[in-house]
C-alpha atoms as a PDB file:
ATOM      1  CA  MET A   1      -4.868   6.980   5.470  1.00  0.00           C
ATOM      2  CA  LYS A   2      -8.269   5.294   5.672  1.00  0.00           C
ATOM      3  CA  ARG A   3      -9.526   3.567   8.764  1.00  0.00           C
ATOM      4  CA  MET A   4     -11.415   0.304   8.121  1.00  0.00           C
ATOM      5  CA  PRO A   5     -14.737  -0.330   9.959  1.00  0.00           C
ATOM      6  CA  GLU A   6     -15.015  -2.715  12.830  1.00  0.00           C
ATOM      7  CA  ARG A   7     -16.953  -5.241  10.766  1.00  0.00           C
ATOM      8  CA  VAL A   8     -15.800  -5.914   7.252  1.00  0.00           C
ATOM      9  CA  ASN A   9     -18.599  -8.186   5.837  1.00  0.00           C
ATOM     10  CA  ARG A  10     -20.152  -8.077   2.452  1.00  0.00           C
ATOM     11  CA  HIS A  11     -22.266  -5.028   3.085  1.00  0.00           C
ATOM     12  CA  GLU A  12     -19.549  -2.993   4.834  1.00  0.00           C
ATOM     13  CA  ALA A  13     -16.885  -4.122   2.300  1.00  0.00           C
ATOM     14  CA  GLN A  14     -19.097  -2.702  -0.529  1.00  0.00           C
ATOM     15  CA  ARG A  15     -19.560   0.534   1.354  1.00  0.00           C
ATOM     16  CA  PHE A  16     -15.905   0.902   2.176  1.00  0.00           C
ATOM     17  CA  PHE A  17     -14.860   0.232  -1.374  1.00  0.00           C
ATOM     18  CA  ALA A  18     -17.354   2.839  -2.731  1.00  0.00           C
ATOM     19  CA  ASP A  19     -15.782   5.292  -0.317  1.00  0.00           C
ATOM     20  CA  VAL A  20     -12.128   4.698  -1.298  1.00  0.00           C
ATOM     21  CA  GLN A  21     -12.765   3.968  -4.979  1.00  0.00           C
ATOM     22  CA  PRO A  22     -11.883   7.715  -5.979  1.00  0.00           C
ATOM     23  CA  PHE A  23      -8.540   7.283  -4.285  1.00  0.00           C
ATOM     24  CA  VAL A  24      -7.866   3.672  -5.506  1.00  0.00           C
ATOM     25  CA  THR A  25      -8.564   4.734  -9.097  1.00  0.00           C
ATOM     26  CA  SER A  26      -6.433   7.860  -9.015  1.00  0.00           C
ATOM     27  CA  ASP A  27      -3.107   8.150 -10.881  1.00  0.00           C
ATOM     28  CA  ARG A  28      -0.323   6.319  -8.871  1.00  0.00           C
ATOM     29  CA  PRO A  29      -2.246   6.096  -5.554  1.00  0.00           C
ATOM     30  CA  GLN A  30      -0.377   5.673  -2.328  1.00  0.00           C
ATOM     31  CA  LEU A  31      -2.795   4.439   0.251  1.00  0.00           C
ATOM     32  CA  VAL A  32      -2.700   3.178   3.877  1.00  0.00           C
ATOM     33  CA  PHE A  33      -5.592   1.318   5.361  1.00  0.00           C
ATOM     34  CA  ASP A  34      -5.730   1.259   9.145  1.00  0.00           C
ATOM     35  CA  LEU A  35      -7.054  -2.086  10.431  1.00  0.00           C
ATOM     36  CA  SER A  36      -6.756  -1.294  14.147  1.00  0.00           C
ATOM     37  CA  GLN A  37     -10.565  -1.305  14.730  1.00  0.00           C
ATOM     38  CA  VAL A  38     -11.309  -4.396  12.685  1.00  0.00           C
ATOM     39  CA  LYS A  39     -12.983  -6.987  14.846  1.00  0.00           C
ATOM     40  CA  GLN A  40     -14.520  -9.089  11.995  1.00  0.00           C
ATOM     41  CA  LEU A  41     -12.973  -9.677   8.547  1.00  0.00           C
ATOM     42  CA  ASP A  42     -14.735 -12.198   6.346  1.00  0.00           C
ATOM     43  CA  ALA A  43     -14.125 -13.513   2.918  1.00  0.00           C
ATOM     44  CA  ALA A  44     -15.941 -10.430   1.466  1.00  0.00           C
ATOM     45  CA  GLY A  45     -13.579  -8.189   3.257  1.00  0.00           C
ATOM     46  CA  VAL A  46     -10.381 -10.047   2.124  1.00  0.00           C
ATOM     47  CA  GLU A  47     -11.925  -9.966  -1.499  1.00  0.00           C
ATOM     48  CA  MET A  48     -12.299  -6.241  -1.108  1.00  0.00           C
ATOM     49  CA  LEU A  49      -8.720  -5.837   0.010  1.00  0.00           C
ATOM     50  CA  LEU A  50      -7.455  -7.838  -2.965  1.00  0.00           C
ATOM     51  CA  ARG A  51      -9.663  -5.748  -5.354  1.00  0.00           C
ATOM     52  CA  CYS A  52      -8.262  -2.575  -3.951  1.00  0.00           C
ATOM     53  CA  VAL A  53      -4.582  -3.689  -4.294  1.00  0.00           C
ATOM     54  CA  ALA A  54      -5.223  -4.937  -7.724  1.00  0.00           C
ATOM     55  CA  GLU A  55      -6.743  -1.592  -8.833  1.00  0.00           C
ATOM     56  CA  VAL A  56      -3.915   0.263  -7.130  1.00  0.00           C
ATOM     57  CA  MET A  57      -1.285  -1.763  -8.821  1.00  0.00           C
ATOM     58  CA  LYS A  58      -2.831  -1.250 -12.258  1.00  0.00           C
ATOM     59  CA  ARG A  59      -2.192   2.405 -11.674  1.00  0.00           C
ATOM     60  CA  ASP A  60       1.360   2.051 -10.608  1.00  0.00           C
ATOM     61  CA  GLY A  61       0.589   2.638  -7.003  1.00  0.00           C
ATOM     62  CA  ASP A  62       0.866   0.994  -3.632  1.00  0.00           C
ATOM     63  CA  LEU A  63      -1.498   0.007  -0.829  1.00  0.00           C
ATOM     64  CA  LYS A  64      -0.180  -0.706   2.603  1.00  0.00           C
ATOM     65  CA  LEU A  65      -1.828  -1.973   5.713  1.00  0.00           C
ATOM     66  CA  ALA A  66      -1.305  -0.616   9.124  1.00  0.00           C
ATOM     67  CA  SER A  67      -2.091  -1.564  12.784  1.00  0.00           C
ATOM     68  CA  PRO A  68      -3.835  -4.749  12.054  1.00  0.00           C
ATOM     69  CA  SER A  69      -6.063  -6.029  14.929  1.00  0.00           C
ATOM     70  CA  ARG A  70      -5.427  -9.567  16.232  1.00  0.00           C
ATOM     71  CA  GLN A  71      -8.645 -10.678  14.320  1.00  0.00           C
ATOM     72  CA  ALA A  72      -7.528  -8.987  11.088  1.00  0.00           C
ATOM     73  CA  SER A  73      -4.016 -10.408  11.348  1.00  0.00           C
ATOM     74  CA  MET A  74      -5.321 -13.970  11.921  1.00  0.00           C
ATOM     75  CA  VAL A  75      -7.648 -13.833   8.935  1.00  0.00           C
ATOM     76  CA  LEU A  76      -4.927 -12.332   6.641  1.00  0.00           C
ATOM     77  CA  GLU A  77      -2.535 -14.911   7.799  1.00  0.00           C
ATOM     78  CA  LEU A  78      -4.867 -17.899   7.422  1.00  0.00           C
ATOM     79  CA  THR A  79      -5.876 -16.808   3.809  1.00  0.00           C
ATOM     80  CA  ARG A  80      -2.120 -16.059   3.134  1.00  0.00           C
ATOM     81  CA  THR A  81      -3.068 -12.601   1.719  1.00  0.00           C
ATOM     82  CA  ASP A  82      -0.702 -11.131   4.292  1.00  0.00           C
ATOM     83  CA  ARG A  83       2.100 -11.938   1.834  1.00  0.00           C
ATOM     84  CA  LEU A  84       0.538  -9.553  -0.803  1.00  0.00           C
ATOM     85  CA  PHE A  85       0.800  -6.447   1.410  1.00  0.00           C
ATOM     86  CA  GLU A  86       3.371  -4.480   3.219  1.00  0.00           C
ATOM     87  CA  ILE A  87       1.989  -4.371   6.829  1.00  0.00           C
ATOM     88  CA  TYR A  88       3.203  -1.835   9.344  1.00  0.00           C
ATOM     89  CA  ALA A  89       2.827  -1.491  13.058  1.00  0.00           C
ATOM     90  CA  ASN A  90       1.006   1.939  12.658  1.00  0.00           C
ATOM     91  CA  SER A  91      -0.174   4.321  10.065  1.00  0.00           C
ATOM     92  CA  THR A  92       2.676   6.812  10.611  1.00  0.00           C
ATOM     93  CA  GLU A  93       5.266   4.141   9.726  1.00  0.00           C
ATOM     94  CA  ALA A  94       3.231   3.104   6.830  1.00  0.00           C
ATOM     95  CA  ALA A  95       2.888   6.615   5.479  1.00  0.00           C
ATOM     96  CA  ARG A  96       6.631   7.337   5.969  1.00  0.00           C
ATOM     97  CA  SER A  97       7.498   4.306   3.911  1.00  0.00           C
ATOM     98  CA  PHE A  98       6.212   6.051   0.871  1.00  0.00           C
ATOM     99  CA  SER A  99       8.405   9.146   1.256  1.00  0.00           C
ATOM    100  CA  GLY A 100      11.433   6.995   2.028  1.00  0.00           C
ATOM    101  CA  PHE A 101      11.422   5.492  -1.379  1.00  0.00           C
ATOM    102  CA  LEU A 102      11.684   8.561  -3.561  1.00  0.00           C
ATOM    103  CA  PRO A 103      15.042  10.019  -2.490  1.00  0.00           C
ATOM    104  CA  ASN A 104      16.820   6.647  -3.158  1.00  0.00           C
ATOM    105  CA  ALA A 105      15.119   6.368  -6.490  1.00  0.00           C
ATOM    106  CA  MET A 106      16.278   9.888  -7.455  1.00  0.00           C
ATOM    107  CA  GLN A 107      19.868   9.147  -6.628  1.00  0.00           C
ATOM    108  CA  SER A 108      20.005   6.227  -9.038  1.00  0.00           C
ATOM    109  CA  ILE A 109      18.997   8.344 -12.072  1.00  0.00           C
ATOM    110  CA  SER A 110      22.597   9.215 -12.990  1.00  0.00           C
ATOM    111  CA  PRO A 111      24.813   6.120 -13.351  1.00  0.00           C
ATOM    112  CA  TYR A 112      27.908   8.307 -12.753  1.00  0.00           C
ATOM    113  CA  PRO A 113      28.795  10.846 -10.106  1.00  0.00           C
ATOM    114  CA  LYS A 114      28.998  14.292 -11.507  1.00  0.00           C
ATOM    115  CA  ARG A 115      32.818  14.408 -11.271  1.00  0.00           C
ATOM    116  CA  ALA A 116      33.283  11.002 -12.856  1.00  0.00           C
ATOM    117  CA  ALA A 117      31.099  11.843 -15.811  1.00  0.00           C
ATOM    118  CA  GLU A 118      33.064  15.021 -16.461  1.00  0.00           C
ATOM    119  CA  GLU A 119      36.342  13.095 -16.549  1.00  0.00           C
ATOM    120  CA  LEU A 120      35.274  10.514 -19.046  1.00  0.00           C
ATOM    121  CA  PRO A 121      37.177  10.828 -22.406  1.00  0.00           C
ATOM    122  CA  MET A 122      35.099  12.082 -25.378  1.00  0.00           C
ATOM    123  CA  ALA A 123      35.184   9.781 -28.443  1.00  0.00           C
ATOM    124  CA  ALA A 124      36.733  11.410 -31.543  1.00  0.00           C
END
């Protein structure tokens, strides 16, 4: 989880990206950005978020947003970039959403329950 600064203008967006770049460019990153303190989010900030999500997706990862302030929510909605992110009420819910995915994925590996697979007739 990484908390975004109060002001996400061009200068702060560049600084924030430099700070998170090692995480964004790791193998299968699972990141949460907390937007609760954001009071100003301009076009450069939105562009930085889009750059982060693009880099994360290239690496088969995911980036989720948490606790967006009223200002951040308004900007994301007006630019329609809110549709590109999973947005959670808080960072805990966002982080838990990553762990909730794996057990279901692991269950679907075998197309047959163990007992049913053992009862299948063998071809001669």
